[in-house]
Amino acid sequence: MNPCTAYTDLQRALPATGADNSVEDYLTRGNGRIIDEVVTISAAAGSHTINVFQLTGSVWVMDQWAEITEVTTLTNLTNMYATLYDGTNTVTVTADDATISNFPVESIFGKTEDETQPYTAVDSSQCRLTVPGASKKLAYPFIITQKNGANTYLQLHITTTDDPVSSKLRLLFTWRPINGGTFELLI
């Protein structure tokens, strides 16, 4: 291969679809796409379900973390977990035990275990060491699939006594499309 041609090829504008063995397609297959967005979580006291992403087709979620970037009121936020919901069926993504009550800015939480375990929550109020649990992973990948013909959502569930709870989270997801799947942020 002529190195000048290869360099020129890398500089070429990529097609919008990314499905033709372009540089974009190659990088997506190897490293995944990244969602890096700050979202606001605001809700009155009680239990709430938030549609965070809408799924089409199938996607491989390679890495899922969030960082608290701003705290207005976060005195009590318990029973946090994730599910996949298609309008009829609910599938557990994480168990319902994660608590981020009184967590300060720069605290993080992520999926490091299978669906029977809660999010790993890391409080930044002091230095911490986070090591893999039984899964031996700091990121626990999974594949999720849309119900054919139905709106399908990745949901975050929270319970709070704050009225209202209010904070900002930086969502960090690495994912790859399978069969043309997409993962659209809703909030």
Foldseek 3Di string as FASTA:
>chain_A
DDVVVVVVQLVDDDDPLLPDPHPSVVCCVVWFDKAWDKDKDKDFAFKDKDQFKWKAFKKKWFWKKKFFAWFDAQQWKFQKAKWKDFPPDIGAAAGRGDTCHPADGGWMWIDQDGRDHHIDTGRVPDDDDDAHDPVRGPGDMDMDGHDPPTTMGIMIMIHGNDGMGITMMTIIIGMHDDPPMDIGTDD
